[in-house]
């Protein structure tokens, strides 16, 4: 018995849609829907992995964001300051005239780091958020 399919609608910037279509063609995807399903599975796998982290961690949070989104840089700074017990160092790099990359070196409880990643990733204008942990 096949799984019930539900139709949803997405709103994407034209540039992102163009990148998606080029990647689909290069990889031989049958449809946009299949690629989006694969991307959602990857997103959920990453979320589930973060939920399973336990104990004290050391790692890096990588953020890519649009610096000209109103209020975003202030929100990022406020969140980082509120997380001073976890955030050790922040490095900021300009990727182009509108896009920035930040790396946050973090150390602390899995719960606090997970909370920080979720808060940062949920901000409007943040394009990517990745957590990499290392063994101590």
Protein backbone atom coordinates (compact mmCIF):
# COMPACT_ATOMS: atom_id res chain seq x y z
CA UNK A 1 0.00 0.00 0.00
CA UNK A 2 1.50 3.36 -1.00
CA UNK A 3 1.79 6.35 1.29
CA UNK A 4 -0.84 9.08 0.93
CA UNK A 5 0.55 12.11 -0.92
CA UNK A 6 -0.41 15.67 0.07
CA UNK A 7 0.13 18.60 -2.29
CA UNK A 8 1.84 21.68 -0.83
CA UNK A 9 2.93 24.96 -2.34
CA UNK A 10 6.32 26.68 -1.91
CA UNK A 11 7.37 30.24 -2.51
CA UNK A 12 10.98 30.48 -3.71
CA UNK A 13 13.19 33.27 -4.99
CA UNK A 14 13.69 32.95 -8.76
CA UNK A 15 17.45 32.55 -8.35
CA UNK A 16 17.01 29.61 -5.95
CA UNK A 17 14.50 27.96 -8.27
CA UNK A 18 16.95 28.30 -11.16
CA UNK A 19 19.73 26.71 -9.08
CA UNK A 20 17.35 23.90 -8.13
CA UNK A 21 16.41 23.23 -11.76
CA UNK A 22 20.07 23.14 -12.86
CA UNK A 23 20.94 20.74 -10.04
CA UNK A 24 17.95 18.53 -10.88
CA UNK A 25 19.01 18.30 -14.50
CA UNK A 26 22.64 17.57 -13.60
CA UNK A 27 21.61 14.81 -11.19
CA UNK A 28 18.89 13.31 -13.36
CA UNK A 29 15.99 13.91 -10.98
CA UNK A 30 12.58 13.04 -12.37
CA UNK A 31 10.88 16.05 -10.75
CA UNK A 32 11.22 19.00 -8.42
CA UNK A 33 8.98 17.17 -5.98
CA UNK A 34 11.39 14.27 -5.64
CA UNK A 35 14.31 16.64 -5.01
CA UNK A 36 12.33 18.57 -2.40
CA UNK A 37 11.36 15.29 -0.69
CA UNK A 38 15.04 14.28 -0.60
CA UNK A 39 15.97 17.69 0.83
CA UNK A 40 13.28 17.44 3.49
CA UNK A 41 14.50 13.98 4.48
CA UNK A 42 18.02 15.39 4.86
CA UNK A 43 16.69 18.32 6.92
CA UNK A 44 14.76 15.96 9.19
CA UNK A 45 17.71 13.58 9.57
CA UNK A 46 19.88 16.52 10.68
CA UNK A 47 17.21 17.65 13.14
CA UNK A 48 16.83 14.14 14.57
CA UNK A 49 20.62 13.81 14.90
CA UNK A 50 20.76 17.09 16.89
CA UNK A 51 17.92 15.87 19.14
CA UNK A 52 19.92 12.76 20.02
CA UNK A 53 23.07 14.65 21.08
CA UNK A 54 23.82 14.24 24.78
CA UNK A 55 26.29 15.49 27.37
CA UNK A 56 28.96 18.15 26.95
CA UNK A 57 29.90 19.04 23.38
CA UNK A 58 32.49 21.03 21.49
CA UNK A 59 31.68 22.12 17.97
CA UNK A 60 31.18 24.74 15.32
CA UNK A 61 27.96 26.34 14.14
CA UNK A 62 28.18 27.65 10.58
CA UNK A 63 25.68 30.33 9.50
CA UNK A 64 25.14 31.82 6.07
CA UNK A 65 22.80 34.78 6.03
CA UNK A 66 21.71 37.91 4.19
CA UNK A 67 23.03 40.82 6.22
CA UNK A 68 20.59 43.36 4.78
CA UNK A 69 17.46 41.66 6.18
CA UNK A 70 15.98 44.17 8.60
CA UNK A 71 16.83 43.39 12.21
CA UNK A 72 18.73 40.18 11.46
CA UNK A 73 22.22 41.28 12.52
CA UNK A 74 20.83 42.72 15.75
CA UNK A 75 18.97 39.47 16.45
CA UNK A 76 22.11 37.41 15.74
CA UNK A 77 24.17 39.53 18.12
CA UNK A 78 21.48 39.43 20.83
CA UNK A 79 21.24 35.63 20.60
CA UNK A 80 25.03 35.26 20.68
CA UNK A 81 25.30 37.54 23.74
CA UNK A 82 22.52 35.63 25.50
CA UNK A 83 24.52 32.45 24.81
CA UNK A 84 27.87 33.69 26.12
CA UNK A 85 28.24 30.58 28.28
CA UNK A 86 28.21 28.43 25.13
CA UNK A 87 29.69 30.69 22.42
CA UNK A 88 33.46 31.01 22.71
CA UNK A 89 34.48 32.71 19.49
CA UNK A 90 32.70 34.14 16.44
CA UNK A 91 34.32 34.72 13.06
CA UNK A 92 32.60 36.80 10.40
CA UNK A 93 33.35 36.67 6.66
CA UNK A 94 31.74 38.64 3.81
CA UNK A 95 30.93 36.25 0.95
CA UNK A 96 29.58 38.96 -1.34
CA UNK A 97 27.87 42.34 -1.04
CA UNK A 98 24.74 40.80 0.57
CA UNK A 99 25.80 37.49 2.09
CA UNK A 100 27.81 36.79 5.23
CA UNK A 101 29.18 33.64 6.80
CA UNK A 102 29.77 33.27 10.51
CA UNK A 103 31.34 30.46 12.45
CA UNK A 104 30.63 30.13 16.15
CA UNK A 105 32.91 27.92 18.21
CA UNK A 106 30.68 26.41 20.89
CA UNK A 107 31.24 24.39 24.04
CA UNK A 108 28.58 23.34 26.47
CA UNK A 109 25.64 21.07 27.05
CA UNK A 110 24.00 19.46 24.07
CA UNK A 111 20.70 20.99 25.19
CA UNK A 112 22.07 24.56 25.15
CA UNK A 113 23.88 24.11 21.83
CA UNK A 114 20.76 22.59 20.25
CA UNK A 115 18.70 25.54 21.53
CA UNK A 116 21.23 27.97 20.03
CA UNK A 117 21.26 26.23 16.62
CA UNK A 118 17.45 26.18 16.53
CA UNK A 119 17.18 29.88 17.46
CA UNK A 120 19.75 30.97 14.88
CA UNK A 121 18.39 28.76 12.10
CA UNK A 122 14.84 29.98 12.60
CA UNK A 123 15.63 33.63 11.90
CA UNK A 124 14.34 35.20 8.70
CA UNK A 125 17.29 35.83 6.38
CA UNK A 126 19.40 32.91 7.62
CA UNK A 127 20.03 30.74 4.56
CA UNK A 128 21.95 27.88 6.14
CA UNK A 129 22.76 26.66 9.62
CA UNK A 130 25.02 23.67 10.21
CA UNK A 131 26.35 22.16 13.41
CA UNK A 132 29.51 20.09 13.43
CA UNK A 133 30.57 18.46 16.69
CA UNK A 134 33.95 16.99 17.57
CA UNK A 135 35.06 14.40 20.08
CA UNK A 136 36.76 15.87 23.14
